[in-house]
Amino acid sequence: MNFGAVLIWLSIILSIISSTFALWYHWGGDPELKRLSKNTGMGCAVTTTLSTFLLAYHFLTNHYQYVYVYNHASMELPWYYRLSGIWAGQEGTILFWAWIILLTLVILERTKPYALSDILEVAQPLTMMIISFFLILLAFTNPFDTFGFVPSDGIGLNPLLRNPWMIFHPPVLFVGYATFTIPYAFAMGYLITGNADWTKVSKPWSRVSWLFLTLGIGIGGFWAYEVLGWGAWYWSWDPVETSSLVPWVTATAFLHCQSVYQRTREYELLTPALAITTFVLVIFATFVVRSGIWTSVHAFTRTPVGPLFVIFLAALIIFGIVLLWQRSKMLAGRSE
């Protein structure tokens, strides 16, 4: 039995059930649904964690019957390069990203910001829905797909990826991307509930996200300079590079705006708008890598998940615009 594939499908099913129960409870359902949502969410965290560690085990132990391991590892590579094969391709990257978001959600639930319980009722199911999206992608690009035979060796990493920076750059950048889910979810929660204290939770998470984005982009620049040269420059305005820089710019603006907002309650619309914009740009950066539309040394070839990212992006943009418009009407009515 392919235990890894079973774990992936269990994660997908549990995330969908958890999201459904959470939304049902939010819309006035039985309080028992909240407990069921939490339990199934924790089950999803367990199965996703097991999937991530199992994939790492397959890389470290040279299990080349798995297509993903075969494509990104080989006997000649030392263990740390084999381990970095987890984020060398699309399937492992998506699994790793979903796992990081799940960890942030578990940490958030353990900190229990009771003063913001109304926002949590919105932020938790929204975060779980985002996790569900990433896990559903794995139904199309499962890292545990197998051959009908066992190859004696794998292809190994692309020569450009056989660099110490490969161990740090992708996961650091992905942690920066994933942790911004919490500021986004709390911004949306504020737009729905009107609780003005939402930045008490979003601010530390946005700082963590900004720090990892800064480190990830900086490490990527050093790596590019060392391997590619680019005419003695650290930056070449490569499409994927640029798509990671833009959300860093809006995240920086968001950090400043929420600090002002906490002190003076200014920028009541601009602050959540910047959080939403940053998260949308993070998803867009992911789409750039996976669409196959842009030519880049970072990009994958065209994949089946590209159109799914377009649908997800459209939903985020429409949902965000609608909530911002409704909140602006409320603020206008309050000022009259």
C-alpha atoms as a PDB file:
ATOM      1  CA  MET A   1       0.000   0.000   0.000  1.00  0.00           C
ATOM      2  CA  ASN A   2       1.195   3.508  -0.836  1.00  0.00           C
ATOM      3  CA  PHE A   3       1.032   4.937   2.689  1.00  0.00           C
ATOM      4  CA  GLY A   4       2.132   8.405   1.545  1.00  0.00           C
ATOM      5  CA  ALA A   5      -0.678   8.719  -0.994  1.00  0.00           C
ATOM      6  CA  VAL A   6      -3.177   7.583   1.648  1.00  0.00           C
ATOM      7  CA  LEU A   7      -1.919  10.281   4.028  1.00  0.00           C
ATOM      8  CA  ILE A   8      -2.256  12.950   1.326  1.00  0.00           C
ATOM      9  CA  TRP A   9      -5.853  11.980   0.595  1.00  0.00           C
ATOM     10  CA  LEU A  10      -6.660  11.843   4.315  1.00  0.00           C
ATOM     11  CA  SER A  11      -5.232  15.357   4.668  1.00  0.00           C
ATOM     12  CA  ILE A  12      -7.371  16.611   1.785  1.00  0.00           C
ATOM     13  CA  ILE A  13     -10.557  15.043   3.171  1.00  0.00           C
ATOM     14  CA  LEU A  14      -9.934  16.202   6.746  1.00  0.00           C
ATOM     15  CA  SER A  15      -9.162  19.767   5.657  1.00  0.00           C
ATOM     16  CA  ILE A  16     -12.383  19.965   3.642  1.00  0.00           C
ATOM     17  CA  ILE A  17     -14.439  18.535   6.529  1.00  0.00           C
ATOM     18  CA  SER A  18     -12.802  20.928   9.013  1.00  0.00           C
ATOM     19  CA  SER A  19     -13.474  23.939   6.772  1.00  0.00           C
ATOM     20  CA  THR A  20     -17.079  22.871   6.205  1.00  0.00           C
ATOM     21  CA  PHE A  21     -17.816  22.375   9.912  1.00  0.00           C
ATOM     22  CA  ALA A  22     -16.179  25.714  10.775  1.00  0.00           C
ATOM     23  CA  LEU A  23     -18.241  27.610   8.209  1.00  0.00           C
ATOM     24  CA  TRP A  24     -21.408  25.814   9.270  1.00  0.00           C
ATOM     25  CA  TYR A  25     -20.777  26.802  12.885  1.00  0.00           C
ATOM     26  CA  HIS A  26     -19.977  30.397  11.856  1.00  0.00           C
ATOM     27  CA  TRP A  27     -23.316  30.647  10.065  1.00  0.00           C
ATOM     28  CA  GLY A  28     -25.234  29.744  13.219  1.00  0.00           C
ATOM     29  CA  GLY A  29     -24.803  26.013  13.522  1.00  0.00           C
ATOM     30  CA  ASP A  30     -24.555  23.833  16.613  1.00  0.00           C
ATOM     31  CA  PRO A  31     -21.534  24.596  18.872  1.00  0.00           C
ATOM     32  CA  GLU A  32     -20.651  20.912  18.556  1.00  0.00           C
ATOM     33  CA  LEU A  33     -19.584  21.707  14.987  1.00  0.00           C
ATOM     34  CA  LYS A  34     -16.808  23.928  16.347  1.00  0.00           C
ATOM     35  CA  ARG A  35     -15.363  21.009  18.304  1.00  0.00           C
ATOM     36  CA  LEU A  36     -15.631  18.721  15.280  1.00  0.00           C
ATOM     37  CA  SER A  37     -13.905  21.336  13.111  1.00  0.00           C
ATOM     38  CA  LYS A  38     -11.058  21.650  15.601  1.00  0.00           C
ATOM     39  CA  ASN A  39     -10.619  17.876  15.906  1.00  0.00           C
ATOM     40  CA  THR A  40     -10.625  17.270  12.148  1.00  0.00           C
ATOM     41  CA  GLY A  41      -8.246  20.210  11.717  1.00  0.00           C
ATOM     42  CA  MET A  42      -5.832  18.666  14.216  1.00  0.00           C
ATOM     43  CA  GLY A  43      -6.196  15.359  12.368  1.00  0.00           C
ATOM     44  CA  CYS A  44      -5.274  17.152   9.154  1.00  0.00           C
ATOM     45  CA  ALA A  45      -2.220  18.663  10.880  1.00  0.00           C
ATOM     46  CA  VAL A  46      -1.122  15.179  11.982  1.00  0.00           C
ATOM     47  CA  THR A  47      -1.560  13.547   8.563  1.00  0.00           C
ATOM     48  CA  THR A  48       0.128  16.445   6.759  1.00  0.00           C
ATOM     49  CA  THR A  49       3.045  16.363   9.199  1.00  0.00           C
ATOM     50  CA  LEU A  50       3.395  12.610   8.699  1.00  0.00           C
ATOM     51  CA  SER A  51       3.282  13.117   4.906  1.00  0.00           C
ATOM     52  CA  THR A  52       6.038  15.734   5.057  1.00  0.00           C
ATOM     53  CA  PHE A  53       8.297  13.599   7.250  1.00  0.00           C
ATOM     54  CA  LEU A  54       7.599  10.497   5.182  1.00  0.00           C
ATOM     55  CA  LEU A  55       8.619  12.331   2.003  1.00  0.00           C
ATOM     56  CA  ALA A  56      11.827  13.436   3.736  1.00  0.00           C
ATOM     57  CA  TYR A  57      12.461   9.816   4.744  1.00  0.00           C
ATOM     58  CA  HIS A  58      12.043   8.639   1.134  1.00  0.00           C
ATOM     59  CA  PHE A  59      14.566  11.228  -0.027  1.00  0.00           C
ATOM     60  CA  LEU A  60      17.103  10.342   2.647  1.00  0.00           C
ATOM     61  CA  THR A  61      16.790   6.595   2.040  1.00  0.00           C
ATOM     62  CA  ASN A  62      16.864   6.733  -1.801  1.00  0.00           C
ATOM     63  CA  HIS A  63      13.403   5.327  -2.517  1.00  0.00           C
ATOM     64  CA  TYR A  64      13.448   5.937  -6.254  1.00  0.00           C
ATOM     65  CA  GLN A  65      10.207   4.109  -6.944  1.00  0.00           C
ATOM     66  CA  TYR A  66       8.579   7.453  -6.160  1.00  0.00           C
ATOM     67  CA  VAL A  67       8.561   9.651  -9.254  1.00  0.00           C
ATOM     68  CA  TYR A  68       9.197  12.845  -7.296  1.00  0.00           C
ATOM     69  CA  VAL A  69      12.171  11.373  -5.426  1.00  0.00           C
ATOM     70  CA  TYR A  70      13.558   9.933  -8.677  1.00  0.00           C
ATOM     71  CA  ASN A  71      13.387  13.337 -10.376  1.00  0.00           C
ATOM     72  CA  HIS A  72      15.143  15.287  -7.598  1.00  0.00           C
ATOM     73  CA  ALA A  73      17.598  12.930  -5.867  1.00  0.00           C
ATOM     74  CA  SER A  74      20.385  10.522  -6.731  1.00  0.00           C
ATOM     75  CA  MET A  75      22.931   8.283  -5.011  1.00  0.00           C
ATOM     76  CA  GLU A  76      25.806  10.669  -5.685  1.00  0.00           C
ATOM     77  CA  LEU A  77      24.232  13.539  -3.744  1.00  0.00           C
ATOM     78  CA  PRO A  78      25.065  14.022  -0.048  1.00  0.00           C
ATOM     79  CA  TRP A  79      22.149  13.705   2.371  1.00  0.00           C
ATOM     80  CA  TYR A  80      21.551  17.466   2.728  1.00  0.00           C
ATOM     81  CA  TYR A  81      21.105  17.905  -1.037  1.00  0.00           C
ATOM     82  CA  ARG A  82      18.801  14.892  -1.151  1.00  0.00           C
ATOM     83  CA  LEU A  83      16.758  16.412   1.669  1.00  0.00           C
ATOM     84  CA  SER A  84      16.544  19.757  -0.148  1.00  0.00           C
ATOM     85  CA  GLY A  85      14.963  17.847  -3.025  1.00  0.00           C
ATOM     86  CA  ILE A  86      11.722  18.171  -1.046  1.00  0.00           C
ATOM     87  CA  TRP A  87      11.365  21.784  -2.214  1.00  0.00           C
ATOM     88  CA  ALA A  88      13.150  21.331  -5.551  1.00  0.00           C
ATOM     89  CA  GLY A  89       9.910  20.608  -7.418  1.00  0.00           C
ATOM     90  CA  GLN A  90       6.256  21.499  -7.406  1.00  0.00           C
ATOM     91  CA  GLU A  91       4.766  18.600  -5.467  1.00  0.00           C
ATOM     92  CA  GLY A  92       7.073  18.861  -2.469  1.00  0.00           C
ATOM     93  CA  THR A  93       6.842  22.658  -2.424  1.00  0.00           C
ATOM     94  CA  ILE A  94       3.044  22.596  -2.200  1.00  0.00           C
ATOM     95  CA  LEU A  95       3.098  19.974   0.566  1.00  0.00           C
ATOM     96  CA  PHE A  96       5.746  21.932   2.502  1.00  0.00           C
ATOM     97  CA  TRP A  97       3.754  25.171   2.139  1.00  0.00           C
ATOM     98  CA  ALA A  98       0.503  23.560   3.365  1.00  0.00           C
ATOM     99  CA  TRP A  99       2.381  22.073   6.315  1.00  0.00           C
ATOM    100  CA  ILE A 100       3.823  25.470   7.345  1.00  0.00           C
ATOM    101  CA  ILE A 101       0.367  27.110   7.216  1.00  0.00           C
ATOM    102  CA  LEU A 102      -1.006  24.289   9.358  1.00  0.00           C
ATOM    103  CA  LEU A 103       1.756  24.840  11.904  1.00  0.00           C
ATOM    104  CA  THR A 104       0.943  28.565  12.058  1.00  0.00           C
ATOM    105  CA  LEU A 105      -2.739  27.724  12.620  1.00  0.00           C
ATOM    106  CA  VAL A 106      -1.872  25.275  15.417  1.00  0.00           C
ATOM    107  CA  ILE A 107       0.343  27.920  17.080  1.00  0.00           C
ATOM    108  CA  LEU A 108      -2.426  30.514  16.715  1.00  0.00           C
ATOM    109  CA  GLU A 109      -4.964  28.215  18.369  1.00  0.00           C
ATOM    110  CA  ARG A 110      -2.553  27.456  21.212  1.00  0.00           C
ATOM    111  CA  THR A 111      -1.975  31.166  21.954  1.00  0.00           C
ATOM    112  CA  LYS A 112      -5.768  31.618  22.328  1.00  0.00           C
ATOM    113  CA  PRO A 113      -6.266  35.390  21.837  1.00  0.00           C
ATOM    114  CA  TYR A 114      -9.690  35.340  23.573  1.00  0.00           C
ATOM    115  CA  ALA A 115     -10.123  39.116  23.275  1.00  0.00           C
ATOM    116  CA  LEU A 116     -10.374  38.589  19.525  1.00  0.00           C
ATOM    117  CA  SER A 117     -12.649  35.556  19.633  1.00  0.00           C
ATOM    118  CA  ASP A 118     -15.072  37.095  17.125  1.00  0.00           C
ATOM    119  CA  ILE A 119     -12.272  37.544  14.580  1.00  0.00           C
ATOM    120  CA  LEU A 120     -10.968  34.052  15.320  1.00  0.00           C
ATOM    121  CA  GLU A 121     -14.360  32.662  14.327  1.00  0.00           C
ATOM    122  CA  VAL A 122     -13.657  34.098  10.865  1.00  0.00           C
ATOM    123  CA  ALA A 123      -9.865  33.725  10.658  1.00  0.00           C
ATOM    124  CA  GLN A 124      -9.684  30.042  11.592  1.00  0.00           C
ATOM    125  CA  PRO A 125     -12.084  28.677   8.942  1.00  0.00           C
ATOM    126  CA  LEU A 126     -10.614  31.049   6.354  1.00  0.00           C
ATOM    127  CA  THR A 127      -7.097  29.782   7.111  1.00  0.00           C
ATOM    128  CA  MET A 128      -8.348  26.193   6.946  1.00  0.00           C
ATOM    129  CA  MET A 129      -9.913  26.884   3.538  1.00  0.00           C
ATOM    130  CA  ILE A 130      -6.571  28.200   2.284  1.00  0.00           C
ATOM    131  CA  ILE A 131      -4.906  25.043   3.592  1.00  0.00           C
ATOM    132  CA  SER A 132      -7.565  22.990   1.809  1.00  0.00           C
ATOM    133  CA  PHE A 133      -6.744  24.728  -1.463  1.00  0.00           C
ATOM    134  CA  PHE A 134      -3.066  23.797  -1.250  1.00  0.00           C
ATOM    135  CA  LEU A 135      -3.833  20.234  -0.225  1.00  0.00           C
ATOM    136  CA  ILE A 136      -6.366  19.824  -3.045  1.00  0.00           C
ATOM    137  CA  LEU A 137      -3.581  20.780  -5.466  1.00  0.00           C
ATOM    138  CA  LEU A 138      -1.778  17.626  -4.329  1.00  0.00           C
ATOM    139  CA  ALA A 139      -4.600  15.562  -5.831  1.00  0.00           C
ATOM    140  CA  PHE A 140      -3.228  16.712  -9.205  1.00  0.00           C
ATOM    141  CA  THR A 141       0.494  16.617  -8.334  1.00  0.00           C
ATOM    142  CA  ASN A 142       0.941  13.949  -5.656  1.00  0.00           C
ATOM    143  CA  PRO A 143       4.555  13.637  -4.429  1.00  0.00           C
ATOM    144  CA  PHE A 144       3.935   9.948  -3.678  1.00  0.00           C
ATOM    145  CA  ASP A 145       3.100   8.840  -7.227  1.00  0.00           C
ATOM    146  CA  THR A 146       5.107   5.710  -8.062  1.00  0.00           C
ATOM    147  CA  PHE A 147       6.574   3.900 -11.051  1.00  0.00           C
ATOM    148  CA  GLY A 148       5.599   0.325 -11.809  1.00  0.00           C
ATOM    149  CA  PHE A 149       9.202  -0.638 -11.080  1.00  0.00           C
ATOM    150  CA  VAL A 150      12.108   0.458  -8.826  1.00  0.00           C
ATOM    151  CA  PRO A 151      14.895   2.415 -10.629  1.00  0.00           C
ATOM    152  CA  SER A 152      18.417   1.800  -9.406  1.00  0.00           C
ATOM    153  CA  ASP A 153      19.189   5.526  -9.198  1.00  0.00           C
ATOM    154  CA  GLY A 154      17.553   8.914  -9.623  1.00  0.00           C
ATOM    155  CA  ILE A 155      18.134  11.840 -11.945  1.00  0.00           C
ATOM    156  CA  GLY A 156      19.271  14.128  -9.137  1.00  0.00           C
ATOM    157  CA  LEU A 157      19.097  17.873  -8.676  1.00  0.00           C
ATOM    158  CA  ASN A 158      19.578  20.273 -11.545  1.00  0.00           C
ATOM    159  CA  PRO A 159      23.280  21.310 -11.470  1.00  0.00           C
ATOM    160  CA  LEU A 160      22.246  24.927 -10.756  1.00  0.00           C
ATOM    161  CA  LEU A 161      20.508  23.723  -7.579  1.00  0.00           C
ATOM    162  CA  ARG A 162      23.538  21.863  -6.224  1.00  0.00           C
ATOM    163  CA  ASN A 163      24.537  24.760  -4.055  1.00  0.00           C
ATOM    164  CA  PRO A 164      24.477  25.263  -0.269  1.00  0.00           C
ATOM    165  CA  TRP A 165      21.990  28.119  -0.681  1.00  0.00           C
ATOM    166  CA  MET A 166      19.472  25.553  -1.978  1.00  0.00           C
ATOM    167  CA  ILE A 167      19.235  24.216   1.560  1.00  0.00           C
ATOM    168  CA  PHE A 168      18.084  27.592   2.934  1.00  0.00           C
ATOM    169  CA  HIS A 169      16.649  29.884   0.231  1.00  0.00           C
ATOM    170  CA  PRO A 170      13.421  28.052  -0.775  1.00  0.00           C
ATOM    171  CA  PRO A 171      12.216  27.014   2.717  1.00  0.00           C
ATOM    172  CA  VAL A 172      12.978  30.435   4.214  1.00  0.00           C
ATOM    173  CA  LEU A 173      11.020  32.151   1.427  1.00  0.00           C
ATOM    174  CA  PHE A 174       8.129  29.677   1.738  1.00  0.00           C
ATOM    175  CA  VAL A 175       7.910  30.283   5.498  1.00  0.00           C
ATOM    176  CA  GLY A 176       7.662  34.010   4.733  1.00  0.00           C
ATOM    177  CA  TYR A 177       4.870  33.341   2.253  1.00  0.00           C
ATOM    178  CA  ALA A 178       2.981  30.906   4.466  1.00  0.00           C
ATOM    179  CA  THR A 179       3.053  32.922   7.690  1.00  0.00           C
ATOM    180  CA  PHE A 180       1.430  35.920   5.998  1.00  0.00           C
ATOM    181  CA  THR A 181      -1.759  33.835   5.863  1.00  0.00           C
ATOM    182  CA  ILE A 182      -2.508  34.884   9.464  1.00  0.00           C
ATOM    183  CA  PRO A 183      -2.348  38.693   8.870  1.00  0.00           C
ATOM    184  CA  TYR A 184      -4.514  38.163   5.784  1.00  0.00           C
ATOM    185  CA  ALA A 185      -7.075  36.092   7.692  1.00  0.00           C
ATOM    186  CA  PHE A 186      -7.246  38.642  10.520  1.00  0.00           C
ATOM    187  CA  ALA A 187      -7.607  41.520   8.061  1.00  0.00           C
ATOM    188  CA  MET A 188     -10.567  39.715   6.523  1.00  0.00           C
ATOM    189  CA  GLY A 189     -11.898  39.019  10.019  1.00  0.00           C
ATOM    190  CA  TYR A 190     -11.722  42.735  10.825  1.00  0.00           C
ATOM    191  CA  LEU A 191     -13.615  43.659   7.658  1.00  0.00           C
ATOM    192  CA  ILE A 192     -16.389  41.232   8.622  1.00  0.00           C
ATOM    193  CA  THR A 193     -16.584  41.859  12.387  1.00  0.00           C
ATOM    194  CA  GLY A 194     -15.303  45.421  12.721  1.00  0.00           C
ATOM    195  CA  ASN A 195     -13.094  44.499  15.708  1.00  0.00           C
ATOM    196  CA  ALA A 196     -10.472  47.254  15.649  1.00  0.00           C
ATOM    197  CA  ASP A 197      -7.946  45.277  17.717  1.00  0.00           C
ATOM    198  CA  TRP A 198      -7.164  42.814  14.927  1.00  0.00           C
ATOM    199  CA  THR A 199      -3.593  44.098  14.525  1.00  0.00           C
ATOM    200  CA  LYS A 200      -2.678  42.816  17.995  1.00  0.00           C
ATOM    201  CA  VAL A 201      -2.412  39.370  16.413  1.00  0.00           C
ATOM    202  CA  SER A 202      -1.540  40.328  12.851  1.00  0.00           C
ATOM    203  CA  LYS A 203       1.412  42.548  13.793  1.00  0.00           C
ATOM    204  CA  PRO A 204       3.761  39.885  15.257  1.00  0.00           C
ATOM    205  CA  TRP A 205       2.893  37.448  12.454  1.00  0.00           C
ATOM    206  CA  SER A 206       3.507  40.074   9.776  1.00  0.00           C
ATOM    207  CA  ARG A 207       6.890  40.845  11.340  1.00  0.00           C
ATOM    208  CA  VAL A 208       7.829  37.161  11.205  1.00  0.00           C
ATOM    209  CA  SER A 209       6.662  36.955   7.596  1.00  0.00           C
ATOM    210  CA  TRP A 210       8.553  40.117   6.606  1.00  0.00           C
ATOM    211  CA  LEU A 211      11.742  38.866   8.263  1.00  0.00           C
ATOM    212  CA  PHE A 212      11.642  35.540   6.410  1.00  0.00           C
ATOM    213  CA  LEU A 213      10.742  37.218   3.106  1.00  0.00           C
ATOM    214  CA  THR A 214      13.697  39.586   3.530  1.00  0.00           C
ATOM    215  CA  LEU A 215      16.082  36.744   4.351  1.00  0.00           C
ATOM    216  CA  GLY A 216      14.729  34.591   1.525  1.00  0.00           C
ATOM    217  CA  ILE A 217      15.075  37.312  -1.104  1.00  0.00           C
ATOM    218  CA  GLY A 218      18.531  38.290   0.178  1.00  0.00           C
ATOM    219  CA  ILE A 219      19.785  34.689   0.144  1.00  0.00           C
ATOM    220  CA  GLY A 220      18.353  34.264  -3.350  1.00  0.00           C
ATOM    221  CA  GLY A 221      20.295  37.314  -4.520  1.00  0.00           C
ATOM    222  CA  PHE A 222      23.572  35.932  -3.173  1.00  0.00           C
ATOM    223  CA  TRP A 223      22.841  32.567  -4.757  1.00  0.00           C
ATOM    224  CA  ALA A 224      22.089  34.122  -8.148  1.00  0.00           C
ATOM    225  CA  TYR A 225      25.258  36.228  -7.999  1.00  0.00           C
ATOM    226  CA  GLU A 226      27.378  33.212  -7.123  1.00  0.00           C
ATOM    227  CA  VAL A 227      25.928  30.760  -9.669  1.00  0.00           C
ATOM    228  CA  LEU A 228      24.526  32.847 -12.519  1.00  0.00           C
ATOM    229  CA  GLY A 229      26.604  36.003 -12.319  1.00  0.00           C
ATOM    230  CA  TRP A 230      24.134  38.091 -14.313  1.00  0.00           C
ATOM    231  CA  GLY A 231      26.862  40.516 -15.298  1.00  0.00           C
ATOM    232  CA  ALA A 232      28.163  40.928 -11.716  1.00  0.00           C
ATOM    233  CA  TRP A 233      24.673  41.862 -10.416  1.00  0.00           C
ATOM    234  CA  TYR A 234      22.672  40.284  -7.601  1.00  0.00           C
ATOM    235  CA  TRP A 235      19.382  41.042  -9.336  1.00  0.00           C
ATOM    236  CA  SER A 236      18.269  40.671 -12.944  1.00  0.00           C
ATOM    237  CA  TRP A 237      14.514  41.474 -12.723  1.00  0.00           C
ATOM    238  CA  ASP A 238      13.776  37.873 -13.580  1.00  0.00           C
ATOM    239  CA  PRO A 239       9.942  37.394 -13.556  1.00  0.00           C
ATOM    240  CA  VAL A 240       9.971  35.074 -10.541  1.00  0.00           C
ATOM    241  CA  GLU A 241      12.427  37.281  -8.656  1.00  0.00           C
ATOM    242  CA  THR A 242      10.275  40.329  -9.273  1.00  0.00           C
ATOM    243  CA  SER A 243       7.094  38.512  -8.276  1.00  0.00           C
ATOM    244  CA  SER A 244       8.662  37.747  -4.877  1.00  0.00           C
ATOM    245  CA  LEU A 245       9.895  41.327  -4.406  1.00  0.00           C
ATOM    246  CA  VAL A 246       6.514  43.002  -4.973  1.00  0.00           C
ATOM    247  CA  PRO A 247       4.751  41.358  -1.979  1.00  0.00           C
ATOM    248  CA  TRP A 248       7.778  42.275   0.134  1.00  0.00           C
ATOM    249  CA  VAL A 249       7.201  45.935  -0.797  1.00  0.00           C
ATOM    250  CA  THR A 250       3.497  45.805   0.105  1.00  0.00           C
ATOM    251  CA  ALA A 251       4.288  43.833   3.290  1.00  0.00           C
ATOM    252  CA  THR A 252       6.708  46.605   4.291  1.00  0.00           C
ATOM    253  CA  ALA A 253       4.000  49.213   3.712  1.00  0.00           C
ATOM    254  CA  PHE A 254       1.572  47.073   5.712  1.00  0.00           C
ATOM    255  CA  LEU A 255       3.986  46.943   8.669  1.00  0.00           C
ATOM    256  CA  HIS A 256       4.172  50.734   8.747  1.00  0.00           C
ATOM    257  CA  CYS A 257       0.432  51.235   8.278  1.00  0.00           C
ATOM    258  CA  GLN A 258      -0.609  48.862  11.038  1.00  0.00           C
ATOM    259  CA  SER A 259       1.787  50.573  13.467  1.00  0.00           C
ATOM    260  CA  VAL A 260       0.135  53.916  12.713  1.00  0.00           C
ATOM    261  CA  TYR A 261      -3.300  52.291  12.864  1.00  0.00           C
ATOM    262  CA  GLN A 262      -2.640  50.884  16.335  1.00  0.00           C
ATOM    263  CA  ARG A 263      -1.632  54.301  17.653  1.00  0.00           C
ATOM    264  CA  THR A 264      -4.094  56.617  15.923  1.00  0.00           C
ATOM    265  CA  ARG A 265      -6.732  54.398  14.237  1.00  0.00           C
ATOM    266  CA  GLU A 266      -5.825  56.010  10.918  1.00  0.00           C
ATOM    267  CA  TYR A 267      -5.745  54.007   7.672  1.00  0.00           C
ATOM    268  CA  GLU A 268      -8.764  51.904   8.691  1.00  0.00           C
ATOM    269  CA  LEU A 269      -9.207  50.742   5.108  1.00  0.00           C
ATOM    270  CA  LEU A 270      -5.666  51.020   3.775  1.00  0.00           C
ATOM    271  CA  THR A 271      -4.212  48.716   6.441  1.00  0.00           C
ATOM    272  CA  PRO A 272      -6.440  45.681   5.711  1.00  0.00           C
ATOM    273  CA  ALA A 273      -6.256  46.493   1.986  1.00  0.00           C
ATOM    274  CA  LEU A 274      -2.457  46.164   2.132  1.00  0.00           C
ATOM    275  CA  ALA A 275      -2.729  42.842   4.002  1.00  0.00           C
ATOM    276  CA  ILE A 276      -5.105  41.496   1.360  1.00  0.00           C
ATOM    277  CA  THR A 277      -2.961  42.847  -1.484  1.00  0.00           C
ATOM    278  CA  THR A 278       0.188  41.262  -0.049  1.00  0.00           C
ATOM    279  CA  PHE A 279      -1.436  37.847   0.268  1.00  0.00           C
ATOM    280  CA  VAL A 280      -2.871  38.077  -3.249  1.00  0.00           C
ATOM    281  CA  LEU A 281       0.607  38.944  -4.546  1.00  0.00           C
ATOM    282  CA  VAL A 282       2.073  35.972  -2.651  1.00  0.00           C
ATOM    283  CA  ILE A 283      -0.376  33.656  -4.426  1.00  0.00           C
ATOM    284  CA  PHE A 284       0.380  35.410  -7.716  1.00  0.00           C
ATOM    285  CA  ALA A 285       4.107  34.838  -7.185  1.00  0.00           C
ATOM    286  CA  THR A 286       3.330  31.157  -6.734  1.00  0.00           C
ATOM    287  CA  PHE A 287       1.265  31.187  -9.926  1.00  0.00           C
ATOM    288  CA  VAL A 288       4.144  32.761 -11.863  1.00  0.00           C
ATOM    289  CA  VAL A 289       6.365  29.830 -10.883  1.00  0.00           C
ATOM    290  CA  ARG A 290       3.786  27.187 -11.749  1.00  0.00           C
ATOM    291  CA  SER A 291       1.946  28.566 -14.774  1.00  0.00           C
ATOM    292  CA  GLY A 292       4.676  27.990 -17.357  1.00  0.00           C
ATOM    293  CA  ILE A 293       3.735  31.322 -18.956  1.00  0.00           C
ATOM    294  CA  TRP A 294       6.878  33.223 -17.959  1.00  0.00           C
ATOM    295  CA  THR A 295      10.359  32.131 -18.934  1.00  0.00           C
ATOM    296  CA  SER A 296      12.579  32.031 -15.860  1.00  0.00           C
ATOM    297  CA  VAL A 297      15.383  29.988 -14.348  1.00  0.00           C
ATOM    298  CA  HIS A 298      13.070  29.536 -11.345  1.00  0.00           C
ATOM    299  CA  ALA A 299       9.864  28.546 -13.131  1.00  0.00           C
ATOM    300  CA  PHE A 300       8.426  25.093 -13.659  1.00  0.00           C
ATOM    301  CA  THR A 301       6.989  24.012 -16.993  1.00  0.00           C
ATOM    302  CA  ARG A 302       3.257  24.387 -17.551  1.00  0.00           C
ATOM    303  CA  THR A 303       1.400  22.273 -14.975  1.00  0.00           C
ATOM    304  CA  PRO A 304      -2.242  21.328 -14.316  1.00  0.00           C
ATOM    305  CA  VAL A 305      -2.392  23.452 -11.153  1.00  0.00           C
ATOM    306  CA  GLY A 306      -1.842  26.741 -13.005  1.00  0.00           C
ATOM    307  CA  PRO A 307      -5.561  27.246 -13.836  1.00  0.00           C
ATOM    308  CA  LEU A 308      -6.502  26.413 -10.242  1.00  0.00           C
ATOM    309  CA  PHE A 309      -4.303  29.275  -9.052  1.00  0.00           C
ATOM    310  CA  VAL A 310      -6.129  31.632 -11.450  1.00  0.00           C
ATOM    311  CA  ILE A 311      -9.489  30.619  -9.955  1.00  0.00           C
ATOM    312  CA  PHE A 312      -8.129  30.994  -6.419  1.00  0.00           C
ATOM    313  CA  LEU A 313      -6.645  34.416  -7.223  1.00  0.00           C
ATOM    314  CA  ALA A 314      -9.935  35.613  -8.714  1.00  0.00           C
ATOM    315  CA  ALA A 315     -11.841  34.458  -5.610  1.00  0.00           C
ATOM    316  CA  LEU A 316      -9.393  36.238  -3.271  1.00  0.00           C
ATOM    317  CA  ILE A 317      -9.571  39.484  -5.248  1.00  0.00           C
ATOM    318  CA  ILE A 318     -13.383  39.518  -5.545  1.00  0.00           C
ATOM    319  CA  PHE A 319     -13.937  38.556  -1.902  1.00  0.00           C
ATOM    320  CA  GLY A 320     -11.461  41.200  -0.728  1.00  0.00           C
ATOM    321  CA  ILE A 321     -12.958  43.982  -2.871  1.00  0.00           C
ATOM    322  CA  VAL A 322     -16.501  43.192  -1.693  1.00  0.00           C
ATOM    323  CA  LEU A 323     -15.530  43.266   1.986  1.00  0.00           C
ATOM    324  CA  LEU A 324     -13.475  46.460   1.602  1.00  0.00           C
ATOM    325  CA  TRP A 325     -16.400  48.130  -0.166  1.00  0.00           C
ATOM    326  CA  GLN A 326     -18.833  47.083   2.586  1.00  0.00           C
ATOM    327  CA  ARG A 327     -16.487  48.275   5.323  1.00  0.00           C
ATOM    328  CA  SER A 328     -15.982  51.623   3.522  1.00  0.00           C
ATOM    329  CA  LYS A 329     -19.759  52.129   3.487  1.00  0.00           C
ATOM    330  CA  MET A 330     -19.914  51.424   7.219  1.00  0.00           C
ATOM    331  CA  LEU A 331     -17.094  53.852   7.936  1.00  0.00           C
ATOM    332  CA  ALA A 332     -18.727  56.511   5.741  1.00  0.00           C
ATOM    333  CA  GLY A 333     -22.035  56.062   7.578  1.00  0.00           C
ATOM    334  CA  ARG A 334     -20.277  56.353  10.940  1.00  0.00           C
ATOM    335  CA  SER A 335     -18.610  59.652   9.973  1.00  0.00           C
ATOM    336  CA  GLU A 336     -21.863  61.269   8.900  1.00  0.00           C
END
